[in-house]
N, C-alpha and C. Protein backbone atom coordinates (compact mmCIF):
# COMPACT_ATOMS: atom_id res chain seq x y z
N MET A 1 26.63 142.51 121.06
CA MET A 1 25.53 142.24 121.42
C MET A 1 24.54 143.70 120.30
N LYS A 2 23.42 143.32 120.32
CA LYS A 2 22.67 144.43 119.28
C LYS A 2 21.52 145.15 120.97
N LYS A 3 21.65 146.51 120.02
CA LYS A 3 20.92 147.41 121.14
C LYS A 3 19.45 146.42 121.53
N GLU A 4 18.45 145.72 120.37
CA GLU A 4 17.29 145.46 120.86
C GLU A 4 17.40 144.25 121.42
N ARG A 5 18.13 143.25 121.64
CA ARG A 5 18.65 142.03 122.47
C ARG A 5 18.77 142.66 123.69
N LYS A 6 19.49 143.48 123.69
CA LYS A 6 19.75 143.93 125.34
C LYS A 6 18.60 144.55 125.80
N ASP A 7 17.79 145.19 125.05
CA ASP A 7 16.58 145.90 125.91
C ASP A 7 15.26 144.68 126.22
N THR A 8 15.54 143.71 125.34
CA THR A 8 14.36 142.61 125.47
C THR A 8 15.34 141.95 126.79
N GLU A 9 16.29 141.54 127.23
CA GLU A 9 16.65 141.27 128.26
C GLU A 9 16.55 141.74 129.15
N LEU A 10 16.46 143.02 129.15
CA LEU A 10 16.45 143.83 130.22
C LEU A 10 14.97 144.02 130.59
N ILE A 11 14.13 144.28 129.67
CA ILE A 11 12.72 143.96 129.97
C ILE A 11 11.90 142.55 130.76
N GLY A 12 12.79 141.35 130.17
CA GLY A 12 13.01 139.97 131.04
C GLY A 12 12.92 140.13 132.14
N ALA A 13 14.22 140.88 132.43
CA ALA A 13 14.54 140.70 133.79
C ALA A 13 13.89 141.26 134.93
N THR A 14 13.54 142.45 134.13
CA THR A 14 12.48 143.37 135.17
C THR A 14 10.95 142.73 135.50
N GLY A 15 10.78 141.75 134.50
CA GLY A 15 9.34 141.42 134.66
C GLY A 15 9.73 139.90 135.97
N VAL A 16 10.84 139.24 135.87
CA VAL A 16 11.07 138.32 137.05
C VAL A 16 11.28 138.80 138.42
N TYR A 17 11.78 140.04 138.21
CA TYR A 17 12.14 140.57 139.45
C TYR A 17 10.46 140.79 140.07
N GLU A 18 9.87 142.06 139.23
CA GLU A 18 8.46 141.98 139.68
C GLU A 18 7.58 140.81 140.29
N VAL A 19 8.10 139.88 139.58
CA VAL A 19 7.12 138.75 140.32
C VAL A 19 7.70 138.14 141.65
N LEU A 20 9.15 138.39 141.27
CA LEU A 20 9.62 137.92 142.87
C LEU A 20 9.14 138.88 143.82
N SER A 21 9.21 140.01 143.46
CA SER A 21 8.44 141.38 144.37
C SER A 21 7.14 140.70 145.28
N ARG A 22 6.82 140.93 143.89
CA ARG A 22 5.27 140.18 144.53
C ARG A 22 4.61 139.12 145.81
N LEU A 23 5.24 137.99 144.81
CA LEU A 23 5.44 137.00 145.99
C LEU A 23 6.18 137.29 147.42
N SER A 24 6.88 137.89 147.53
CA SER A 24 7.33 138.31 148.58
C SER A 24 6.72 139.10 149.29
N ARG A 25 5.51 140.16 148.93
CA ARG A 25 4.39 140.64 149.44
C ARG A 25 3.70 139.79 149.99
N ARG A 26 3.26 138.58 149.37
CA ARG A 26 2.49 137.49 149.80
C ARG A 26 2.80 136.46 150.18
N SER A 27 3.99 136.91 151.12
CA SER A 27 5.10 136.06 151.98
C SER A 27 5.14 134.52 151.36
N TRP A 28 5.53 134.36 150.08
CA TRP A 28 6.06 133.41 149.71
C TRP A 28 7.50 133.46 149.26
N VAL A 29 8.32 132.26 149.52
CA VAL A 29 9.83 132.03 149.20
C VAL A 29 10.00 131.98 148.04
N ALA A 30 10.49 133.14 146.95
CA ALA A 30 11.04 132.82 145.78
C ALA A 30 12.34 133.24 145.49
N THR A 31 12.92 132.24 144.27
CA THR A 31 14.29 132.33 143.59
C THR A 31 14.16 132.27 142.36
N MET A 32 14.76 133.37 141.69
CA MET A 32 15.18 132.88 140.35
C MET A 32 15.83 131.30 139.77
N THR A 33 15.45 130.76 139.07
CA THR A 33 16.44 129.90 138.28
C THR A 33 17.55 130.36 137.60
N PRO A 34 18.12 129.44 136.98
CA PRO A 34 19.56 129.80 136.26
C PRO A 34 18.82 129.82 134.94
N ASP A 35 19.56 130.95 133.98
CA ASP A 35 19.30 131.34 132.73
C ASP A 35 18.70 130.28 131.76
N ASN A 36 19.37 129.34 131.78
CA ASN A 36 19.29 128.10 131.16
C ASN A 36 18.40 126.98 131.43
N THR A 37 17.78 127.43 132.18
CA THR A 37 16.17 126.61 132.60
C THR A 37 14.69 126.62 132.04
N GLN A 38 14.57 125.73 131.25
CA GLN A 38 13.34 125.94 130.40
C GLN A 38 12.47 126.19 131.10
N GLY A 39 11.25 126.77 130.77
CA GLY A 39 10.26 126.98 130.85
C GLY A 39 9.96 127.48 132.29
N VAL A 40 10.91 127.56 133.01
CA VAL A 40 10.72 128.29 134.32
C VAL A 40 11.60 129.14 134.76
N ASP A 41 11.12 130.39 135.57
CA ASP A 41 11.99 131.18 135.58
C ASP A 41 12.12 131.75 137.34
N VAL A 42 10.84 131.24 138.10
CA VAL A 42 10.89 131.35 139.75
C VAL A 42 10.52 130.01 140.06
N LEU A 43 10.90 129.71 141.26
CA LEU A 43 10.46 128.85 142.12
C LEU A 43 9.93 129.42 143.32
N ALA A 44 9.06 129.06 143.76
CA ALA A 44 8.29 129.73 145.17
C ALA A 44 7.59 128.77 145.59
N TYR A 45 7.90 129.08 147.14
CA TYR A 45 7.09 127.93 148.26
C TYR A 45 6.62 128.59 149.45
N LYS A 46 5.88 128.07 150.28
CA LYS A 46 5.31 128.68 151.14
C LYS A 46 4.63 127.55 151.76
N THR A 47 4.38 127.28 153.12
CA THR A 47 3.03 126.67 153.92
C THR A 47 2.02 127.34 154.34
N HIS A 48 0.73 126.52 153.99
CA HIS A 48 -0.50 127.27 153.86
C HIS A 48 -1.10 126.43 154.80
N LYS A 49 -2.05 126.54 156.03
CA LYS A 49 -2.39 125.43 156.98
C LYS A 49 -1.46 124.09 157.09
N GLY A 50 -0.49 124.34 157.04
CA GLY A 50 0.36 123.06 157.71
C GLY A 50 0.48 122.20 156.54
N GLU A 51 0.17 122.99 155.28
CA GLU A 51 0.35 122.24 153.85
C GLU A 51 1.67 122.94 153.17
N LEU A 52 2.57 121.91 152.45
CA LEU A 52 3.82 123.25 151.62
C LEU A 52 3.17 123.35 150.41
N LEU A 53 3.02 124.51 150.14
CA LEU A 53 2.68 124.61 148.38
C LEU A 53 3.80 125.01 147.90
N MET A 54 4.21 124.92 146.76
CA MET A 54 5.59 124.74 145.78
C MET A 54 4.46 125.20 144.15
N ARG A 55 5.22 126.30 143.86
CA ARG A 55 5.34 126.80 142.43
C ARG A 55 5.96 126.97 141.45
N GLN A 56 6.34 126.57 140.23
CA GLN A 56 7.22 126.63 139.27
C GLN A 56 6.43 127.81 138.21
N ILE A 57 6.96 128.95 137.81
CA ILE A 57 6.53 129.96 137.18
C ILE A 57 7.36 130.71 136.29
N GLU A 58 6.43 130.61 135.39
CA GLU A 58 7.12 130.85 133.75
C GLU A 58 7.03 132.73 133.60
N VAL A 59 7.54 133.61 133.68
CA VAL A 59 7.36 134.67 133.49
C VAL A 59 7.42 135.05 131.95
N LYS A 60 6.37 135.92 131.83
CA LYS A 60 6.02 136.67 130.25
C LYS A 60 6.30 137.78 130.41
N THR A 61 6.83 138.41 129.40
CA THR A 61 6.95 140.31 129.41
C THR A 61 6.89 141.14 128.15
N CYS A 62 6.49 142.39 128.08
CA CYS A 62 6.20 142.64 126.70
C CYS A 62 6.72 144.03 127.30
N ASN A 63 7.05 144.62 126.13
CA ASN A 63 7.59 146.18 126.20
C ASN A 63 6.59 147.35 125.92
N LYS A 64 5.06 146.73 125.89
CA LYS A 64 3.91 147.55 125.40
C LYS A 64 2.93 148.38 126.80
N SER A 65 3.09 149.32 126.97
CA SER A 65 2.66 149.81 128.25
C SER A 65 0.90 149.69 128.23
N LYS A 66 0.47 148.47 128.40
CA LYS A 66 -1.11 148.04 128.77
C LYS A 66 -1.19 147.27 129.66
N SER A 67 -1.93 147.82 130.91
CA SER A 67 -2.60 146.59 131.69
C SER A 67 -2.84 145.40 130.88
N THR A 68 -2.44 144.55 132.30
CA THR A 68 -2.98 142.86 131.67
C THR A 68 -4.08 142.44 132.63
N ASN A 69 -4.88 141.63 132.30
CA ASN A 69 -5.14 140.61 133.45
C ASN A 69 -4.49 139.28 133.33
N SER A 70 -3.44 138.86 133.74
CA SER A 70 -2.69 137.97 134.27
C SER A 70 -3.69 137.20 135.11
N GLU A 71 -3.31 135.97 135.50
CA GLU A 71 -3.98 134.75 136.06
C GLU A 71 -3.49 134.86 137.61
N PHE A 72 -2.04 135.25 137.23
CA PHE A 72 -1.23 135.37 138.53
C PHE A 72 -1.68 136.78 139.61
N LEU A 73 -2.22 137.75 138.69
CA LEU A 73 -2.64 138.84 139.58
C LEU A 73 -4.17 138.79 139.84
N GLY A 74 -4.64 137.84 139.37
CA GLY A 74 -6.21 138.09 139.14
C GLY A 74 -6.66 136.87 139.70
N ASN A 75 -5.98 135.90 140.43
CA ASN A 75 -6.05 134.85 140.95
C ASN A 75 -6.09 134.62 142.31
N PRO A 76 -7.05 134.89 143.40
CA PRO A 76 -7.07 135.27 144.86
C PRO A 76 -6.47 133.86 145.39
N SER A 77 -6.87 132.90 144.81
CA SER A 77 -6.22 131.51 145.65
C SER A 77 -4.75 131.17 145.38
N PHE A 78 -4.18 131.87 144.48
CA PHE A 78 -2.66 132.03 144.35
C PHE A 78 -2.05 131.91 145.03
N GLY A 79 -2.17 133.27 146.47
CA GLY A 79 -1.39 133.70 147.23
C GLY A 79 -1.64 133.44 148.36
N LYS A 80 -2.63 132.49 148.41
CA LYS A 80 -3.29 131.68 149.80
C LYS A 80 -2.85 130.43 150.14
């Protein structure tokens, strides 16, 4: 396996673990999907006011060090 490919896989995995961590801190139960699941990297759920909330999340990462305004981080209703 080429070094560049390995770096890309590590960056992607790091992004998924970051999302799992942030969801956990917001009281979501989250898990990674198997590698061959197309379009979904994380499954998350929690109950809010007696209602079951479920989300399928596709994580996108990059190796550039600049901040982003992601919908996940900027949407206050996501974590409620």
